[in-house]
Amino acid sequence: MYHKDGHAYFVVDGSARFWDGSPANQRNRYGEGYVNCLFDYHTHLSPPDLRDKLEEFERCAEDRMISDLFEVGHADVAILQSTYLTDWFVNGFTTTAQNGSLAERHPGRFIVNGRFDPRDGEAGLEELERLHERWQLQGVTLCTGEWKGNSKGWKLSDPWAYRYLEACVSLGIRNIHVYKGPTVYPMNRDAFDVADVDDAATAFPALRFVVEHVGLPRLDEFCWIATQEPNVYGGLALALPFLHSRPRYFAQIIGELLYWLGEDRLLFGSDYAIWQPGWLVERFVDFQIPADMQGEYGVLTPSAKQKILGLNAALLYDLKVPSLSI
C-alpha cells in the first residue's frame, strides 16, 4: 500500500493493458496509426522524465510492467482490460488469453477482464461463456469504436448488444467497462458518444457500467447521465494525467464528478502503458482543489482519495482490503 502523511492507500489500477502494438504485430497502417496516437497522448501528457521512446512504448515488456505497476507504481492489484482490435493487429492488441497468461504467472496481482463484440453474433456468445468458464470473469471491457470489416463501431443499445448484456447478467459478470473518451485514430468520434450508456444502464440495473475516461470531452453529458443512473461509474484513466499538464483543468473535472456522482462511484486507472501509475498516485494524493475553486467544488479529503484509489474498485470486484490503519 502507498503511505503518505499518516494515511494508507490501497491502490487498484482499474485500467491496465498488456499490449503488443509492435510493427511485427501491426496488420496495416491503421494499427501503426493507433499506436502512434496513443504515443502522442503519452508524450504530451507525461512529465518529461517519464516519457518513453516509441520502440519502448510499442510493446509491453513483462518485467518492466510488473515493476511499473507494483514495485514503483504503488498498485496492489491491477485490472487487465482486453482490447482485441484484430482488424489492425495480427494477434490482437491485448487479448483475454494474453492477459490471463500474464495473470497466471503473477498470482494475486491481476484481475482478468474479458470482452465481447455484439457483431460476433451467436459464436461470440459461446466465446464469452468459454472465457467466463476459463477465467472466472467478473468484468468485461467494451470498445464501441472498434472496427470490424465494414463496420466502424456499435452501440450498447443495439439489439445484439442487449443479448450479450443479458448473458453477462446470467453469467454473473457484473462490471461492464466501456471506453468512452476522446477519439483515437483511426476510430470515429460518434462511436464514443455516451448516450448509449444511458440506455443500457436503465435496461440492466443489475450491471455496473464503468465509463472509462469519464466520457471526456463529453464530461457534462456523462455527468447528467450518471447522476440519474446509480449503476454508472466513472473511470479516471486519461483524466488523471492532467494533474501534471493542466492541474486546474483536472480540478474542474474531479470537482464536477464529485458534485454529480460523489466519491463512491469514481475509480482510479492509469491506462497503463500509456501512463505509469506511480506518479499518478503520488500526485493525486498530494492534490487539492485550488482554494479559489473550493467554494464551488469543495475539497478532496483523504477518505475520498482512499475510495477513489482503490476502495471503490475493491467493492466492485470483491477484493479483500487490508487495514488502512498505520
Protein backbone atom coordinates (compact mmCIF):
# COMPACT_ATOMS: atom_id res chain seq x y z
CA MET A 1 0.00 0.00 0.00
CA TYR A 2 1.01 3.60 -0.53
CA HIS A 3 1.52 5.68 2.60
CA LYS A 4 1.63 9.46 2.88
CA ASP A 5 1.12 11.92 5.76
CA GLY A 6 -0.30 9.34 8.14
CA HIS A 7 -2.74 7.82 5.65
CA ALA A 8 -2.62 4.44 3.89
CA TYR A 9 -3.98 3.90 0.40
CA PHE A 10 -4.96 0.53 -1.04
CA VAL A 11 -4.45 1.04 -4.77
CA VAL A 12 -6.34 -0.75 -7.54
CA ASP A 13 -5.23 0.26 -11.01
CA GLY A 14 -8.57 -0.13 -12.77
CA SER A 15 -7.24 0.21 -16.31
CA ALA A 16 -4.09 -1.63 -17.39
CA ARG A 17 -3.30 -3.37 -20.65
CA PHE A 18 -0.58 -5.89 -21.56
CA TRP A 19 -0.32 -4.94 -25.19
CA ASP A 20 1.63 -5.73 -28.31
CA GLY A 21 1.48 -2.86 -30.78
CA SER A 22 4.91 -3.60 -32.26
CA PRO A 23 5.48 -3.29 -36.02
CA ALA A 24 5.69 -7.10 -36.26
CA ASN A 25 2.12 -7.33 -34.93
CA GLN A 26 0.69 -4.41 -36.91
CA ARG A 27 -1.57 -5.69 -39.67
CA ASN A 28 -1.83 -2.41 -41.58
CA ARG A 29 -1.42 1.35 -41.41
CA TYR A 30 -4.36 1.61 -39.03
CA GLY A 31 -2.54 -0.42 -36.42
CA GLU A 32 0.50 1.80 -36.80
CA GLY A 33 -1.65 4.92 -36.60
CA TYR A 34 -3.44 3.67 -33.49
CA VAL A 35 -0.17 3.07 -31.63
CA ASN A 36 1.21 6.43 -32.75
CA CYS A 37 -1.94 8.17 -31.50
CA LEU A 38 -1.60 6.55 -28.05
CA PHE A 39 2.07 7.53 -28.05
CA ASP A 40 1.14 11.14 -28.75
CA TYR A 41 -1.13 11.13 -25.68
CA HIS A 42 1.71 9.60 -23.67
CA THR A 43 4.22 12.19 -24.84
CA HIS A 44 2.07 15.27 -24.42
CA LEU A 45 0.58 14.44 -21.01
CA SER A 46 3.50 12.73 -19.24
CA PRO A 47 6.19 14.51 -17.21
CA PRO A 48 9.34 14.88 -19.35
CA ASP A 49 11.38 12.40 -17.30
CA LEU A 50 8.73 9.69 -17.73
CA ARG A 51 8.37 9.78 -21.50
CA ASP A 52 9.29 6.59 -23.32
CA LYS A 53 10.83 6.22 -26.73
CA LEU A 54 8.42 4.86 -29.33
CA GLU A 55 10.18 1.49 -29.57
CA GLU A 56 9.83 1.07 -25.79
CA PHE A 57 6.20 2.09 -25.87
CA GLU A 58 5.01 -0.12 -28.72
CA ARG A 59 5.11 -3.42 -26.84
CA CYS A 60 4.82 -4.04 -23.10
CA ALA A 61 7.84 -5.79 -21.61
CA GLU A 62 6.60 -8.10 -18.85
CA ASP A 63 9.36 -7.45 -16.33
CA ARG A 64 9.05 -3.71 -16.75
CA MET A 65 5.26 -3.85 -16.47
CA ILE A 66 5.47 -5.68 -13.13
CA SER A 67 7.95 -3.07 -11.88
CA ASP A 68 5.97 -0.11 -13.21
CA LEU A 69 2.72 -1.30 -11.66
CA PHE A 70 3.71 -2.93 -8.38
CA GLU A 71 7.29 -2.12 -7.41
CA VAL A 72 7.40 1.62 -8.15
CA GLY A 73 3.77 2.14 -9.16
CA HIS A 74 2.16 1.62 -5.73
CA ALA A 75 -0.56 -0.64 -7.16
CA ASP A 76 -1.73 -3.53 -5.00
CA VAL A 77 -3.93 -5.02 -7.73
CA ALA A 78 -4.39 -4.18 -11.41
CA ILE A 79 -7.37 -4.94 -13.64
CA LEU A 80 -6.27 -6.13 -17.07
CA GLN A 81 -8.53 -4.83 -19.82
CA SER A 82 -8.85 -6.60 -23.18
CA THR A 83 -8.93 -4.67 -26.45
CA TYR A 84 -8.59 -7.07 -29.39
CA LEU A 85 -8.52 -4.78 -32.48
CA THR A 86 -7.85 -7.78 -34.70
CA ASP A 87 -8.62 -5.78 -37.85
CA TRP A 88 -5.43 -3.86 -37.13
CA PHE A 89 -3.21 -6.30 -35.21
CA VAL A 90 -2.31 -9.83 -36.31
CA ASN A 91 -2.53 -11.42 -32.86
CA GLY A 92 -4.74 -8.78 -31.32
CA PHE A 93 -3.61 -5.70 -29.43
CA THR A 94 -4.31 -7.18 -25.99
CA THR A 95 -6.49 -10.27 -25.63
CA THR A 96 -8.03 -12.09 -22.71
CA ALA A 97 -5.75 -15.07 -23.34
CA GLN A 98 -2.65 -12.86 -23.25
CA ASN A 99 -3.83 -11.16 -20.09
CA GLY A 100 -4.82 -14.44 -18.46
CA SER A 101 -1.42 -15.96 -19.13
CA LEU A 102 0.24 -12.93 -17.53
CA ALA A 103 -2.05 -13.17 -14.50
CA GLU A 104 -1.23 -16.84 -14.03
CA ARG A 105 2.47 -16.04 -13.96
CA HIS A 106 1.88 -13.43 -11.24
CA PRO A 107 -0.83 -14.81 -8.94
CA GLY A 108 -2.67 -12.33 -6.76
CA ARG A 109 -1.56 -9.33 -8.77
CA PHE A 110 -4.14 -9.13 -11.54
CA ILE A 111 -7.85 -9.37 -12.25
CA VAL A 112 -8.57 -10.54 -15.81
CA ASN A 113 -11.44 -8.92 -17.67
CA GLY A 114 -12.85 -10.40 -20.83
CA ARG A 115 -14.58 -8.64 -23.69
CA PHE A 116 -17.30 -9.08 -26.25
CA ASP A 117 -18.30 -7.63 -29.57
CA PRO A 118 -22.01 -8.00 -30.40
CA ARG A 119 -21.16 -8.16 -34.11
CA ASP A 120 -19.79 -11.67 -33.46
CA GLY A 121 -23.34 -12.99 -33.06
CA GLU A 122 -24.01 -16.45 -31.63
CA ALA A 123 -20.38 -17.51 -31.92
CA GLY A 124 -19.38 -14.56 -29.75
CA LEU A 125 -21.88 -15.54 -27.07
CA GLU A 126 -20.32 -19.00 -26.95
CA GLU A 127 -16.86 -17.43 -26.73
CA LEU A 128 -17.98 -15.21 -23.84
CA GLU A 129 -19.19 -18.28 -21.96
CA ARG A 130 -15.89 -20.03 -22.65
CA LEU A 131 -13.87 -17.05 -21.43
CA HIS A 132 -16.00 -16.85 -18.30
CA GLU A 133 -15.51 -20.53 -17.56
CA ARG A 134 -11.75 -20.28 -18.13
CA TRP A 135 -11.04 -17.05 -16.25
CA GLN A 136 -13.99 -16.67 -13.85
CA LEU A 137 -14.70 -13.25 -15.27
CA GLN A 138 -16.08 -10.53 -13.03
CA GLY A 139 -15.93 -7.90 -15.75
CA VAL A 140 -15.66 -7.22 -19.47
CA THR A 141 -14.13 -4.36 -21.41
CA LEU A 142 -16.02 -2.95 -24.38
CA CYS A 143 -14.69 -0.76 -27.16
CA THR A 144 -17.66 0.57 -29.11
CA GLY A 145 -15.29 2.26 -31.54
CA GLU A 146 -13.59 -0.96 -32.64
CA TRP A 147 -13.71 -1.65 -36.38
CA LYS A 148 -14.93 -4.97 -37.75
CA GLY A 149 -14.92 -5.38 -41.51
CA ASN A 150 -17.10 -2.62 -42.95
CA SER A 151 -18.49 -1.68 -39.54
CA LYS A 152 -16.77 1.19 -37.76
CA GLY A 153 -18.44 0.90 -34.39
CA TRP A 154 -21.50 -0.24 -32.47
CA LYS A 155 -23.74 0.89 -29.61
CA LEU A 156 -24.68 -0.56 -26.24
CA SER A 157 -28.31 -0.05 -27.29
CA ASP A 158 -28.01 -2.35 -30.32
CA PRO A 159 -30.24 -5.46 -30.15
CA TRP A 160 -27.29 -7.83 -30.22
CA ALA A 161 -25.54 -5.81 -27.52
CA TYR A 162 -28.60 -6.42 -25.35
CA ARG A 163 -28.20 -10.16 -25.99
CA TYR A 164 -24.64 -10.01 -24.68
CA LEU A 165 -25.55 -7.88 -21.66
CA GLU A 166 -28.31 -10.36 -20.85
CA ALA A 167 -25.67 -13.09 -20.99
CA CYS A 168 -23.47 -11.11 -18.59
CA VAL A 169 -26.36 -10.94 -16.11
CA SER A 170 -26.90 -14.70 -16.42
CA LEU A 171 -23.21 -15.49 -16.01
CA GLY A 172 -22.72 -13.11 -13.08
CA ILE A 173 -20.35 -10.79 -14.98
CA ARG A 174 -21.43 -7.56 -13.34
CA ASN A 175 -18.75 -5.00 -14.22
CA ILE A 176 -19.04 -3.55 -17.72
CA HIS A 177 -16.11 -1.25 -18.57
CA VAL A 178 -16.84 0.88 -21.63
CA TYR A 179 -14.28 3.08 -23.39
CA LYS A 180 -15.96 6.45 -23.90
CA GLY A 181 -13.26 9.04 -24.27
CA PRO A 182 -11.62 11.18 -26.93
CA THR A 183 -11.36 9.91 -30.47
CA VAL A 184 -8.32 7.70 -31.05
CA TYR A 185 -7.09 7.39 -34.63
CA PRO A 186 -8.49 5.86 -36.78
CA MET A 187 -11.71 5.34 -34.80
CA ASN A 188 -14.76 7.53 -35.42
CA ARG A 189 -15.87 10.19 -32.96
CA ASP A 190 -19.52 9.15 -32.98
CA ALA A 191 -18.62 5.67 -31.71
CA PHE A 192 -17.55 7.19 -28.39
CA ASP A 193 -20.80 9.04 -27.73
CA VAL A 194 -22.05 8.33 -24.18
CA ALA A 195 -25.78 8.37 -24.93
CA ASP A 196 -25.98 4.57 -25.28
CA VAL A 197 -24.71 4.20 -21.71
CA ASP A 198 -27.91 5.85 -20.52
CA ASP A 199 -29.99 3.33 -22.46
CA ALA A 200 -28.10 0.25 -21.26
CA ALA A 201 -27.82 1.34 -17.63
CA THR A 202 -31.58 1.79 -17.41
CA ALA A 203 -32.24 -1.56 -19.08
CA PHE A 204 -29.75 -3.52 -16.95
CA PRO A 205 -29.83 -2.28 -13.34
CA ALA A 206 -28.03 -5.42 -12.13
CA LEU A 207 -24.90 -4.42 -14.09
CA ARG A 208 -22.35 -1.74 -13.17
CA PHE A 209 -21.22 0.38 -16.12
CA VAL A 210 -17.74 1.85 -15.62
CA VAL A 211 -17.32 4.58 -18.21
CA GLU A 212 -13.59 4.81 -18.85
CA HIS A 213 -12.21 8.29 -19.46
CA VAL A 214 -15.41 9.66 -17.85
CA GLY A 215 -16.72 10.50 -21.30
CA LEU A 216 -14.12 13.20 -21.99
CA PRO A 217 -14.54 15.54 -23.77
CA ARG A 218 -18.27 14.92 -23.16
CA LEU A 219 -17.97 15.35 -19.38
CA ASP A 220 -21.18 17.33 -18.91
CA GLU A 221 -23.27 14.82 -20.82
CA PHE A 222 -21.73 11.94 -18.91
CA CYS A 223 -22.38 13.60 -15.55
CA TRP A 224 -26.02 14.30 -16.39
CA ILE A 225 -26.46 10.63 -17.33
CA ALA A 226 -24.60 9.26 -14.31
CA THR A 227 -26.50 11.35 -11.78
CA GLN A 228 -29.75 9.61 -12.73
CA GLU A 229 -28.26 6.14 -13.26
CA PRO A 230 -26.91 4.83 -9.93
CA ASN A 231 -25.19 1.90 -11.66
CA VAL A 232 -22.92 4.17 -13.73
CA TYR A 233 -19.36 4.76 -12.52
CA GLY A 234 -16.53 6.95 -13.75
CA GLY A 235 -13.11 5.55 -14.63
CA LEU A 236 -10.50 8.28 -14.25
CA ALA A 237 -8.00 6.94 -16.77
CA LEU A 238 -6.98 9.78 -19.12
CA ALA A 239 -8.33 12.43 -16.74
CA LEU A 240 -5.57 11.86 -14.18
CA PRO A 241 -2.57 12.85 -16.36
CA PHE A 242 -3.91 16.41 -16.39
CA LEU A 243 -2.60 16.53 -12.81
CA HIS A 244 0.71 17.30 -14.50
CA SER A 245 -0.13 19.28 -17.60
CA ARG A 246 -3.24 21.21 -16.52
CA PRO A 247 -3.95 20.86 -12.78
CA ARG A 248 -6.74 23.44 -12.75
CA TYR A 249 -8.47 21.60 -15.56
CA PHE A 250 -8.17 18.40 -13.54
CA ALA A 251 -9.64 20.25 -10.55
CA GLN A 252 -12.64 21.15 -12.70
CA ILE A 253 -13.02 17.56 -13.90
CA ILE A 254 -12.80 15.99 -10.45
CA GLY A 255 -14.95 18.74 -8.98
CA GLU A 256 -17.75 18.11 -11.45
CA LEU A 257 -17.52 14.36 -10.91
CA LEU A 258 -17.68 14.72 -7.14
CA TYR A 259 -20.67 17.04 -7.44
CA TRP A 260 -22.66 14.78 -9.75
CA LEU A 261 -21.51 11.23 -8.91
CA GLY A 262 -19.95 11.59 -5.47
CA GLU A 263 -16.78 9.96 -4.16
CA ASP A 264 -18.23 6.42 -4.10
CA ARG A 265 -18.51 5.97 -7.89
CA LEU A 266 -15.09 7.05 -9.14
CA LEU A 267 -12.25 4.63 -9.93
CA PHE A 268 -8.53 5.20 -10.33
CA GLY A 269 -6.89 3.96 -13.53
CA SER A 270 -3.55 4.68 -15.13
CA ASP A 271 -4.37 3.49 -18.66
CA TYR A 272 -1.06 1.64 -18.49
CA ALA A 273 1.09 1.54 -20.54
CA ILE A 274 0.13 4.99 -21.79
CA TRP A 275 0.95 6.27 -18.31
CA GLN A 276 2.59 4.74 -15.26
CA PRO A 277 0.54 4.62 -12.05
CA GLY A 278 3.33 5.68 -9.68
CA TRP A 279 3.38 9.38 -10.43
CA LEU A 280 -0.40 9.49 -10.86
CA VAL A 281 -0.94 8.01 -7.37
CA GLU A 282 1.59 10.36 -5.80
CA ARG A 283 0.25 13.49 -7.43
CA PHE A 284 -3.36 12.57 -6.76
CA VAL A 285 -2.65 12.01 -3.06
CA ASP A 286 -0.86 15.38 -2.93
CA PHE A 287 -3.50 17.17 -4.99
CA GLN A 288 -6.02 19.59 -3.58
CA ILE A 289 -8.66 21.59 -5.39
CA PRO A 290 -7.36 25.20 -5.52
CA ALA A 291 -8.69 27.49 -2.80
CA ASP A 292 -10.47 29.78 -5.25
CA MET A 293 -12.41 26.79 -6.65
CA GLN A 294 -13.36 25.20 -3.34
CA GLY A 295 -16.43 27.35 -2.86
CA GLU A 296 -17.96 25.58 -5.84
CA TYR A 297 -16.31 22.16 -5.67
CA GLY A 298 -15.32 21.63 -2.05
CA VAL A 299 -12.14 19.79 -1.06
CA LEU A 300 -10.68 16.36 -1.72
CA THR A 301 -10.39 14.60 1.63
CA PRO A 302 -8.02 11.70 2.39
CA SER A 303 -11.10 9.50 2.79
CA ALA A 304 -12.33 10.38 -0.71
CA LYS A 305 -8.87 9.70 -2.13
CA GLN A 306 -8.79 6.29 -0.43
CA LYS A 307 -12.11 5.39 -2.03
CA ILE A 308 -11.10 6.59 -5.48
CA LEU A 309 -7.65 4.99 -5.44
CA GLY A 310 -8.85 1.53 -4.54
CA LEU A 311 -11.70 1.00 -2.13
CA ASN A 312 -14.44 1.61 -4.70
CA ALA A 313 -12.92 -0.90 -7.14
CA ALA A 314 -12.42 -3.36 -4.28
CA LEU A 315 -16.17 -3.28 -3.64
CA LEU A 316 -16.96 -3.91 -7.30
CA TYR A 317 -14.51 -6.82 -7.54
CA ASP A 318 -14.92 -8.31 -4.05
CA LEU A 319 -11.29 -7.71 -3.10
CA LYS A 320 -10.08 -8.19 0.44
CA VAL A 321 -8.64 -4.90 1.69
CA PRO A 322 -6.04 -4.91 4.47
CA SER A 323 -6.42 -2.49 7.36
CA LEU A 324 -5.71 1.12 6.41
CA SER A 325 -4.64 1.95 9.96
CA ILE A 326 -0.99 2.89 10.30
